[in-house]
Amino acid sequence: MREMAKEDILEFVKSRAWGTLIGVEENKPYAIEVSYGTDGEFIYCGSMPGGRMSRCLRINDNVVFKICDSDRTSRKHTAVIIEGKAERLTNYDDILKSVRSIARQVEIDKNSLDDIAERCAKQPESNFIRIPIKVCGGRIQK
């Protein structure tokens, strides 16, 4: 097993589309699986407006984002962790950038989620976030 260099971590993040967003609820971790997008500087994702993760992030913006890939036996695996503070996106342009980034990552038409950005920008409970890719690490076993 070896530690991954930052450029390898970024390439791995760009090559996947699902990750685990981990927040803190009171003193307990809470995790959800989400599709995400990235521009190499941030992870963009969201959760259900007014849902449990949304409530977690309003109280404590410290998060971990985890992306893993493994063969069936786990002999070959890659795992990346990104730690940071979730930055809640509230204006339309930021939310639009987020949903377009997610659309590109999951390989659908980049404008296909634009209506979600418009609806969410009008909702005070919108929960689109970005996480800076500054504190990160990764390991790979081939």
Protein backbone atom coordinates (compact mmCIF):
# COMPACT_ATOMS: atom_id res chain seq x y z
CA MET A 1 0.00 0.00 0.00
CA ARG A 2 1.28 3.45 -0.77
CA GLU A 3 0.29 7.02 0.00
CA MET A 4 -1.10 8.93 -2.96
CA ALA A 5 0.37 12.22 -4.19
CA LYS A 6 -2.00 15.19 -4.38
CA GLU A 7 -2.16 15.02 -8.20
CA ASP A 8 -3.13 11.31 -7.98
CA ILE A 9 -5.80 12.15 -5.44
CA LEU A 10 -7.26 14.82 -7.73
CA GLU A 11 -7.27 12.44 -10.71
CA PHE A 12 -9.05 9.80 -8.64
CA VAL A 13 -11.63 12.34 -7.41
CA LYS A 14 -12.27 13.38 -11.04
CA SER A 15 -12.68 9.76 -12.14
CA ARG A 16 -15.54 8.89 -9.76
CA ALA A 17 -19.06 10.23 -9.24
CA TRP A 18 -20.20 8.89 -5.84
CA GLY A 19 -18.83 9.54 -2.40
CA THR A 20 -19.77 9.56 1.25
CA LEU A 21 -20.45 12.88 2.99
CA ILE A 22 -19.87 12.58 6.72
CA GLY A 23 -21.08 15.23 9.12
CA VAL A 24 -21.56 15.44 12.87
CA GLU A 25 -24.92 15.35 14.63
CA GLU A 26 -24.44 16.40 18.23
CA ASN A 27 -21.51 14.13 19.12
CA LYS A 28 -22.21 11.32 16.60
CA PRO A 29 -21.10 10.95 12.99
CA TYR A 30 -23.78 10.86 10.30
CA ALA A 31 -23.08 9.82 6.70
CA ILE A 32 -24.92 9.84 3.37
CA GLU A 33 -23.96 8.68 -0.11
CA VAL A 34 -24.10 11.44 -2.72
CA SER A 35 -23.23 12.08 -6.31
CA TYR A 36 -20.73 14.90 -6.56
CA GLY A 37 -18.86 17.13 -8.93
CA THR A 38 -15.44 18.73 -8.76
CA ASP A 39 -13.47 21.46 -10.45
CA GLY A 40 -10.22 20.30 -8.85
CA GLU A 41 -10.49 22.96 -6.15
CA PHE A 42 -13.79 21.97 -4.51
CA ILE A 43 -16.12 19.00 -4.10
CA TYR A 44 -19.71 20.06 -4.92
CA CYS A 45 -22.66 18.09 -3.57
CA GLY A 46 -25.97 18.46 -1.83
CA SER A 47 -28.50 16.71 0.32
CA MET A 48 -32.22 16.86 0.87
CA PRO A 49 -33.31 20.37 1.90
CA GLY A 50 -34.35 20.30 5.53
CA GLY A 51 -33.05 16.74 5.94
CA ARG A 52 -30.85 15.30 8.63
CA MET A 53 -27.54 16.21 6.92
CA SER A 54 -28.81 19.73 6.33
CA ARG A 55 -29.50 20.06 10.05
CA CYS A 56 -26.06 18.63 10.89
CA LEU A 57 -24.29 21.15 8.65
CA ARG A 58 -26.19 24.12 10.06
CA ILE A 59 -24.89 23.28 13.54
CA ASN A 60 -21.41 22.02 12.64
CA ASP A 61 -19.84 22.66 9.22
CA ASN A 62 -16.91 20.25 9.78
CA VAL A 63 -17.16 17.39 7.28
CA VAL A 64 -15.28 14.50 5.77
CA PHE A 65 -15.81 13.40 2.17
CA LYS A 66 -14.71 9.85 1.40
CA ILE A 67 -14.33 8.19 -2.01
CA CYS A 68 -13.35 4.53 -2.28
CA ASP A 69 -12.98 1.89 -4.95
CA SER A 70 -12.14 -1.77 -4.42
CA ASP A 71 -12.18 -5.08 -6.16
CA ARG A 72 -14.34 -7.79 -4.64
CA THR A 73 -11.49 -9.17 -2.50
CA SER A 74 -10.17 -5.74 -1.41
CA ARG A 75 -6.70 -6.75 -2.59
CA LYS A 76 -6.82 -3.80 -4.97
CA HIS A 77 -8.30 -0.65 -3.56
CA THR A 78 -8.07 3.11 -3.56
CA ALA A 79 -9.38 5.36 -0.80
CA VAL A 80 -9.37 9.15 -0.62
CA ILE A 81 -10.44 11.35 2.26
CA ILE A 82 -11.05 15.10 2.13
CA GLU A 83 -11.49 17.01 5.38
CA GLY A 84 -12.80 20.52 5.65
CA LYS A 85 -15.60 22.92 6.34
CA ALA A 86 -18.73 22.68 4.22
CA GLU A 87 -19.50 26.02 2.61
CA ARG A 88 -23.26 26.34 2.07
CA LEU A 89 -24.12 27.76 -1.36
CA THR A 90 -26.98 30.25 -1.29
CA ASN A 91 -26.89 32.30 -4.47
CA TYR A 92 -28.10 31.09 -7.83
CA ASP A 93 -24.76 31.36 -9.68
CA ASP A 94 -22.94 29.25 -7.07
CA ILE A 95 -25.70 26.63 -6.97
CA LEU A 96 -25.80 26.54 -10.79
CA LYS A 97 -22.03 25.96 -10.90
CA SER A 98 -22.50 23.17 -8.37
CA VAL A 99 -25.25 21.31 -10.27
CA ARG A 100 -23.44 21.70 -13.59
CA SER A 101 -20.30 20.28 -12.01
CA ILE A 102 -22.32 17.31 -10.71
CA ALA A 103 -23.95 16.82 -14.14
CA ARG A 104 -20.53 16.69 -15.82
CA GLN A 105 -19.21 14.27 -13.21
CA VAL A 106 -22.12 11.83 -13.62
CA GLU A 107 -21.87 12.26 -17.41
CA ILE A 108 -25.26 13.77 -18.19
CA ASP A 109 -25.98 16.94 -20.17
CA LYS A 110 -24.45 19.83 -18.21
CA ASN A 111 -27.70 21.83 -18.33
CA SER A 112 -30.02 18.99 -17.33
CA LEU A 113 -30.02 19.97 -13.64
CA ASP A 114 -30.41 23.73 -14.15
CA ASP A 115 -34.04 23.67 -12.96
CA ILE A 116 -32.85 22.26 -9.63
CA ALA A 117 -30.50 25.23 -9.21
CA GLU A 118 -33.35 27.65 -9.84
CA ARG A 119 -35.66 25.93 -7.34
CA CYS A 120 -32.95 25.61 -4.68
CA ALA A 121 -31.82 29.22 -4.95
CA LYS A 122 -35.35 30.25 -3.93
CA GLN A 123 -35.44 27.89 -0.92
CA PRO A 124 -33.99 29.02 2.39
CA GLU A 125 -33.44 25.34 3.26
CA SER A 126 -31.33 24.66 0.16
CA ASN A 127 -28.41 22.42 1.00
CA PHE A 128 -25.89 22.59 -1.82
CA ILE A 129 -22.38 22.80 -0.46
CA ARG A 130 -18.78 22.90 -1.55
CA ILE A 131 -15.84 21.46 0.31
CA PRO A 132 -12.33 22.80 -0.39
CA ILE A 133 -9.88 20.10 -1.49
CA LYS A 134 -7.05 21.32 0.72
CA VAL A 135 -6.74 18.79 3.52
CA CYS A 136 -6.76 15.41 1.84
CA GLY A 137 -5.06 12.08 1.77
CA GLY A 138 -5.24 8.86 -0.12
CA ARG A 139 -3.93 5.32 -0.23
CA ILE A 140 -3.75 2.85 -3.05
CA GLN A 141 -3.11 -0.89 -3.11
CA LYS A 142 -2.55 -2.42 -6.55
